[in-house]
Amino acid sequence: MLSYLQAVVIGLLQGLSELFPISSLGHSVLVPAWLGWNNLVSTQAGGDLVNHRANFYLAFIVGLHVATALALLVYFRRDWVRIIGALFSSIRHRRIEGPDARLAWLLVVGTIPTGLTGLILEHQLRTQFAKPLSAAVFLTVNGLILIGAERLRQRAPVRALAAREPAAEDSPEPGRRLDTLDFKEAGVIGIFQTGALLAGISRSGITMAAGLLRGLDHEDAARFSFLLATPIILAAGVYKIPDLLGTAGNGIHGQIAAGSAAAFVAALVSVHFLVRYFKTRTLWPFAVYCLGAGVVSIIRFA
């Protein structure tokens, strides 16, 4: 079963790795495997949802996702008030006026691909790829994606995009305004986000990479990534709350509460740090970490 120590450790890990571009799902597989928590590792890779013994860990993860999404909502609460208000105003008046309304519809378009793919394929992808070796391979791929985004961003076509409709003059790096993305670009970023269904591929990392390749600076790429992730993480958690409240959650409600509290605090600290970090810095340190951790884990679990 799940101990309180395991619950808090995994909760802290979820809160950090969901927002840092290093894959929370990958770390929820690899870290327990490294620590020898084999009962947790085995539940990630299979089991029927009605089987309590095989799925208590999945019920636990549901609580962590809801806590992480709530932390994002708390941090970006002012943004969400404006965005949701602008969305309803846009629907009421049947037109898009102002950057908040445009951002609202960009988020809607970007959410659709992951939402549909998650509903159809999430269970199959989890059971097939949520294993230590697979997670290690995809974590290494995640590092290569981050490196590729940083290198490609320096090429002329991307630099031209960044300069086309520049952000604020005091921005420390060139980049186009977030509200100048078109809906096709938002859809492509949303398609990129579906990669996070694979354990080892980071949701924030892959969406930031896509944003950078469309000319956004690191700060706006991170902001769009966090806003785009919020409804997906929250919806995924709410969708599976019946598992949490059902037989799979029996006997671990205290551990779920402890882990969720840890995830909430860790996510709140993480998003505060990362918003400031990406004002002036890049994805390179996270890319190096993913490559190193991925290769070492491949050697360990091959």
Protein backbone atom coordinates (compact mmCIF):
# COMPACT_ATOMS: atom_id res chain seq x y z
CA MET A 1 0.00 0.00 0.00
CA LEU A 2 0.99 3.67 -0.07
CA SER A 3 2.77 5.10 2.98
CA TYR A 4 2.57 8.73 4.09
CA LEU A 5 6.28 9.19 3.30
CA GLN A 6 5.73 7.91 -0.23
CA ALA A 7 2.65 10.12 -0.60
CA VAL A 8 4.50 13.30 0.38
CA VAL A 9 7.57 12.49 -1.74
CA ILE A 10 5.47 11.75 -4.84
CA GLY A 11 3.29 14.79 -4.14
CA LEU A 12 6.30 17.11 -4.00
CA LEU A 13 7.68 15.46 -7.12
CA GLN A 14 4.40 15.97 -8.99
CA GLY A 15 4.16 19.64 -8.03
CA LEU A 16 7.70 20.29 -9.23
CA SER A 17 7.94 18.13 -12.33
CA GLU A 18 4.51 18.99 -13.76
CA LEU A 19 5.60 22.60 -14.28
CA PHE A 20 9.34 22.23 -14.72
CA PRO A 21 9.86 20.94 -18.28
CA ILE A 22 11.02 17.50 -17.10
CA SER A 23 7.81 15.37 -17.20
CA SER A 24 5.80 14.63 -14.08
CA LEU A 25 4.44 11.36 -15.50
CA GLY A 26 7.95 10.20 -16.35
CA HIS A 27 9.21 11.02 -12.87
CA SER A 28 6.21 9.35 -11.23
CA VAL A 29 7.42 6.16 -12.95
CA LEU A 30 11.19 6.56 -12.65
CA VAL A 31 11.61 7.88 -9.12
CA PRO A 32 9.62 5.06 -7.45
CA ALA A 33 11.56 2.58 -9.62
CA TRP A 34 14.89 4.05 -8.49
CA LEU A 35 13.77 3.98 -4.85
CA GLY A 36 12.62 0.39 -5.08
CA TRP A 37 8.94 1.18 -4.56
CA ASN A 38 7.98 -1.61 -6.94
CA ASN A 39 4.36 -1.77 -5.82
CA LEU A 40 3.88 1.77 -7.13
CA VAL A 41 5.76 1.16 -10.38
CA SER A 42 3.69 -1.88 -11.31
CA THR A 43 0.37 -0.04 -10.89
CA GLN A 44 1.37 2.61 -13.41
CA ALA A 45 1.66 0.10 -16.21
CA GLY A 46 -1.58 -1.80 -16.01
CA GLY A 47 -4.56 -3.05 -14.13
CA ASP A 48 -8.30 -2.79 -14.57
CA LEU A 49 -9.90 0.35 -13.14
CA VAL A 50 -12.21 -1.78 -11.01
CA ASN A 51 -9.27 -3.57 -9.40
CA HIS A 52 -8.55 -1.72 -6.15
CA ARG A 53 -5.18 -3.35 -5.45
CA ALA A 54 -3.89 -2.58 -8.94
CA ASN A 55 -5.11 1.01 -9.10
CA PHE A 56 -4.76 2.73 -5.75
CA TYR A 57 -1.73 4.62 -7.14
CA LEU A 58 -3.75 5.90 -10.08
CA ALA A 59 -6.42 7.19 -7.69
CA PHE A 60 -3.65 8.89 -5.71
CA ILE A 61 -2.27 10.54 -8.88
CA VAL A 62 -5.75 11.93 -9.61
CA GLY A 63 -5.63 13.87 -6.33
CA LEU A 64 -2.18 15.23 -7.15
CA HIS A 65 -3.31 16.47 -10.57
CA VAL A 66 -6.29 18.28 -9.12
CA ALA A 67 -4.03 19.91 -6.49
CA THR A 68 -1.54 21.01 -9.18
CA ALA A 69 -4.30 22.52 -11.32
CA LEU A 70 -5.68 24.38 -8.31
CA ALA A 71 -2.23 25.84 -7.62
CA LEU A 72 -2.08 27.12 -11.21
CA LEU A 73 -5.55 28.59 -10.87
CA VAL A 74 -4.55 30.38 -7.67
CA TYR A 75 -1.37 31.81 -9.20
CA PHE A 76 -3.01 32.94 -12.46
CA ARG A 77 -6.37 33.84 -10.88
CA ARG A 78 -6.35 37.42 -12.17
CA ASP A 79 -5.50 36.23 -15.67
CA TRP A 80 -8.29 33.65 -15.59
CA VAL A 81 -10.86 36.19 -14.38
CA ARG A 82 -10.02 38.39 -17.37
CA ILE A 83 -9.80 35.48 -19.82
CA ILE A 84 -13.10 33.86 -18.79
CA GLY A 85 -14.87 37.23 -18.71
CA ALA A 86 -13.55 38.05 -22.17
CA LEU A 87 -14.58 34.62 -23.47
CA PHE A 88 -18.19 35.02 -22.35
CA SER A 89 -18.27 38.58 -23.66
CA SER A 90 -16.96 37.33 -27.00
CA ILE A 91 -19.66 34.66 -27.15
CA ARG A 92 -22.35 37.16 -26.22
CA HIS A 93 -21.29 39.71 -28.83
CA ARG A 94 -20.18 37.12 -31.40
CA ARG A 95 -16.86 38.78 -32.06
CA ILE A 96 -13.32 38.75 -30.69
CA GLU A 97 -12.21 42.09 -29.29
CA GLY A 98 -9.01 42.71 -27.35
CA PRO A 99 -6.04 40.53 -26.38
CA ASP A 100 -7.85 38.75 -23.52
CA ALA A 101 -10.65 37.53 -25.78
CA ARG A 102 -8.14 36.41 -28.40
CA LEU A 103 -6.07 34.61 -25.76
CA ALA A 104 -9.23 32.90 -24.49
CA TRP A 105 -10.02 31.46 -27.91
CA LEU A 106 -6.37 30.52 -28.49
CA LEU A 107 -6.54 28.48 -25.27
CA VAL A 108 -9.81 26.85 -26.37
CA VAL A 109 -8.30 25.85 -29.72
CA GLY A 110 -5.07 24.65 -28.10
CA THR A 111 -6.95 22.53 -25.56
CA ILE A 112 -9.09 20.58 -28.04
CA PRO A 113 -6.38 18.25 -29.51
CA THR A 114 -5.10 17.08 -26.12
CA GLY A 115 -8.59 16.75 -24.67
CA LEU A 116 -9.77 14.51 -27.51
CA THR A 117 -6.58 12.45 -27.64
CA GLY A 118 -6.57 12.01 -23.88
CA LEU A 119 -10.14 10.71 -23.84
CA ILE A 120 -9.42 8.21 -26.60
CA LEU A 121 -5.85 7.05 -25.96
CA GLU A 122 -4.80 7.94 -22.38
CA HIS A 123 -5.44 4.46 -20.94
CA GLN A 124 -3.72 2.65 -23.80
CA LEU A 125 -0.67 4.93 -23.73
CA ARG A 126 -0.37 4.64 -19.95
CA THR A 127 -0.52 0.85 -19.91
CA GLN A 128 1.91 0.52 -22.83
CA PHE A 129 4.54 3.13 -21.96
CA ALA A 130 4.37 3.84 -18.21
CA LYS A 131 7.31 1.53 -17.53
CA PRO A 132 10.76 2.60 -16.28
CA LEU A 133 12.66 1.82 -19.49
CA SER A 134 10.07 3.50 -21.72
CA ALA A 135 9.94 6.53 -19.43
CA ALA A 136 13.75 6.76 -19.50
CA VAL A 137 13.79 6.67 -23.32
CA PHE A 138 11.11 9.35 -23.61
CA LEU A 139 12.82 11.52 -20.97
CA THR A 140 15.94 11.44 -23.15
CA VAL A 141 13.81 12.37 -26.17
CA ASN A 142 12.36 15.23 -24.11
CA GLY A 143 15.86 16.58 -23.56
CA LEU A 144 16.53 16.45 -27.29
CA ILE A 145 13.26 18.30 -27.97
CA LEU A 146 14.27 21.11 -25.61
CA ILE A 147 17.73 21.36 -27.21
CA GLY A 148 16.18 21.35 -30.69
CA ALA A 149 13.80 24.17 -29.76
CA GLU A 150 16.60 26.34 -28.41
CA ARG A 151 18.79 25.77 -31.46
CA LEU A 152 16.04 26.19 -34.05
CA ARG A 153 14.88 29.38 -32.35
CA GLN A 154 18.15 31.01 -33.42
CA ARG A 155 17.51 30.36 -37.10
CA ALA A 156 16.47 33.14 -39.45
CA PRO A 157 12.81 32.12 -40.07
CA VAL A 158 12.03 31.98 -36.35
CA ARG A 159 13.91 35.20 -35.65
CA ALA A 160 11.87 36.85 -38.39
CA LEU A 161 8.66 35.63 -36.72
CA ALA A 162 9.85 37.00 -33.38
CA ALA A 163 10.55 40.40 -34.89
CA ARG A 164 7.31 40.62 -36.88
CA GLU A 165 5.11 41.92 -34.06
CA PRO A 166 7.47 42.48 -31.14
CA ALA A 167 6.49 42.35 -27.48
CA ALA A 168 7.12 45.16 -25.02
CA GLU A 169 10.19 47.30 -25.69
CA ASP A 170 11.68 46.48 -22.27
CA SER A 171 11.55 42.72 -22.93
CA PRO A 172 15.02 41.22 -22.37
CA GLU A 173 14.79 39.07 -25.53
CA PRO A 174 13.08 39.39 -28.90
CA GLY A 175 9.69 37.78 -29.27
CA ARG A 176 6.28 38.40 -30.78
CA ARG A 177 3.27 39.28 -28.62
CA LEU A 178 1.33 36.29 -27.35
CA ASP A 179 -1.97 37.61 -28.68
CA THR A 180 -0.57 37.67 -32.24
CA LEU A 181 -0.60 33.87 -32.50
CA ASP A 182 -3.20 32.71 -34.99
CA PHE A 183 -5.63 29.87 -34.32
CA LYS A 184 -3.78 27.41 -36.53
CA GLU A 185 -0.62 28.01 -34.51
CA ALA A 186 -2.52 27.48 -31.25
CA GLY A 187 -3.89 24.22 -32.65
CA VAL A 188 -0.39 23.05 -33.56
CA ILE A 189 0.85 23.85 -30.04
CA GLY A 190 -2.13 21.89 -28.71
CA ILE A 191 -1.16 18.93 -30.89
CA PHE A 192 2.37 19.14 -29.50
CA GLN A 193 0.87 18.97 -26.00
CA THR A 194 -0.56 15.52 -26.73
CA GLY A 195 3.01 14.22 -26.51
CA ALA A 196 2.76 14.64 -22.74
CA LEU A 197 0.52 11.57 -22.64
CA LEU A 198 3.77 9.60 -23.00
CA ALA A 199 5.61 9.13 -19.71
CA GLY A 200 8.86 11.09 -20.07
CA ILE A 201 7.61 13.84 -22.40
CA SER A 202 6.99 17.07 -20.51
CA ARG A 203 3.74 18.95 -21.09
CA SER A 204 5.28 22.33 -20.27
CA GLY A 205 8.48 21.50 -22.12
CA ILE A 206 6.91 20.44 -25.40
CA THR A 207 4.42 23.33 -25.46
CA MET A 208 7.14 25.83 -24.62
CA ALA A 209 9.24 24.37 -27.43
CA ALA A 210 6.35 24.82 -29.86
CA GLY A 211 5.78 28.39 -28.66
CA LEU A 212 9.46 29.27 -29.07
CA LEU A 213 9.40 27.94 -32.63
CA ARG A 214 6.47 30.27 -33.37
CA GLY A 215 8.52 33.29 -32.29
CA LEU A 216 7.40 33.74 -28.68
CA ASP A 217 10.01 34.69 -26.11
CA HIS A 218 10.65 32.33 -23.18
CA GLU A 219 8.44 34.30 -20.79
CA ASP A 220 5.36 34.26 -23.02
CA ALA A 221 6.00 30.67 -24.15
CA ALA A 222 6.02 29.63 -20.48
CA ARG A 223 2.92 31.70 -19.65
CA PHE A 224 0.96 30.23 -22.56
CA SER A 225 2.15 26.74 -21.59
CA PHE A 226 0.97 27.12 -17.98
CA LEU A 227 -2.38 28.60 -18.97
CA LEU A 228 -2.90 25.89 -21.59
CA ALA A 229 -2.03 23.14 -19.11
CA THR A 230 -4.47 24.29 -16.42
CA PRO A 231 -7.80 23.20 -17.95
CA ILE A 232 -6.29 19.94 -19.23
CA ILE A 233 -4.82 18.93 -15.86
CA LEU A 234 -7.96 19.99 -14.00
CA ALA A 235 -10.32 18.26 -16.43
CA ALA A 236 -8.27 15.05 -16.34
CA GLY A 237 -8.38 15.07 -12.56
CA VAL A 238 -12.09 15.86 -12.30
CA TYR A 239 -12.90 13.23 -14.95
CA LYS A 240 -11.28 10.55 -12.79
CA ILE A 241 -12.55 11.70 -9.40
CA PRO A 242 -14.98 8.72 -9.35
CA ASP A 243 -11.88 6.48 -9.22
CA LEU A 244 -10.59 8.53 -6.31
CA LEU A 245 -13.89 8.27 -4.42
CA GLY A 246 -14.48 4.65 -5.39
CA THR A 247 -12.92 1.43 -4.19
CA ALA A 248 -9.50 2.35 -5.58
CA GLY A 249 -9.24 5.16 -3.03
CA ASN A 250 -10.28 3.09 -0.04
CA GLY A 251 -7.71 3.11 2.74
CA ILE A 252 -5.53 5.86 1.28
CA HIS A 253 -7.66 8.99 1.66
CA GLY A 254 -5.27 10.34 4.29
CA GLN A 255 -2.29 9.71 2.02
CA ILE A 256 -4.13 11.37 -0.87
CA ALA A 257 -4.75 14.46 1.27
CA ALA A 258 -1.10 14.62 2.39
CA GLY A 259 0.26 14.11 -1.12
CA SER A 260 -2.16 16.62 -2.62
CA ALA A 261 -1.20 19.26 -0.05
CA ALA A 262 2.47 18.68 -0.89
CA ALA A 263 1.74 18.88 -4.63
CA PHE A 264 -0.23 22.12 -4.21
CA VAL A 265 2.57 23.85 -2.28
CA ALA A 266 5.29 22.54 -4.62
CA ALA A 267 3.35 23.62 -7.72
CA LEU A 268 2.71 27.09 -6.31
CA VAL A 269 6.39 27.57 -5.50
CA SER A 270 7.41 26.12 -8.88
CA VAL A 271 5.21 28.38 -11.01
CA HIS A 272 6.32 31.45 -9.04
CA PHE A 273 9.97 30.52 -9.63
CA LEU A 274 9.57 29.58 -13.30
CA VAL A 275 7.66 32.72 -14.31
CA ARG A 276 10.56 34.76 -12.97
CA TYR A 277 13.20 32.37 -14.33
CA PHE A 278 11.98 32.49 -17.93
CA LYS A 279 12.10 36.27 -18.02
CA THR A 280 15.84 36.01 -18.69
CA ARG A 281 16.80 32.33 -19.01
CA THR A 282 16.33 29.35 -21.30
CA LEU A 283 15.49 25.64 -21.46
CA TRP A 284 19.11 24.51 -21.66
CA PRO A 285 19.58 23.42 -17.98
CA PHE A 286 16.42 21.31 -18.14
CA ALA A 287 17.52 19.77 -21.44
CA VAL A 288 20.86 18.73 -19.95
CA TYR A 289 19.12 17.28 -16.89
CA CYS A 290 16.67 15.25 -19.00
CA LEU A 291 19.45 13.86 -21.18
CA GLY A 292 21.58 12.92 -18.18
CA ALA A 293 18.75 11.43 -16.11
CA GLY A 294 17.31 9.67 -19.14
CA VAL A 295 20.55 8.04 -20.26
CA VAL A 296 21.46 6.92 -16.73
CA SER A 297 17.95 5.48 -16.28
CA ILE A 298 18.16 3.65 -19.61
CA ILE A 299 21.38 2.01 -18.43
CA ARG A 300 19.79 1.14 -15.09
CA PHE A 301 16.54 -0.36 -16.42
CA ALA A 302 17.62 -1.83 -19.76
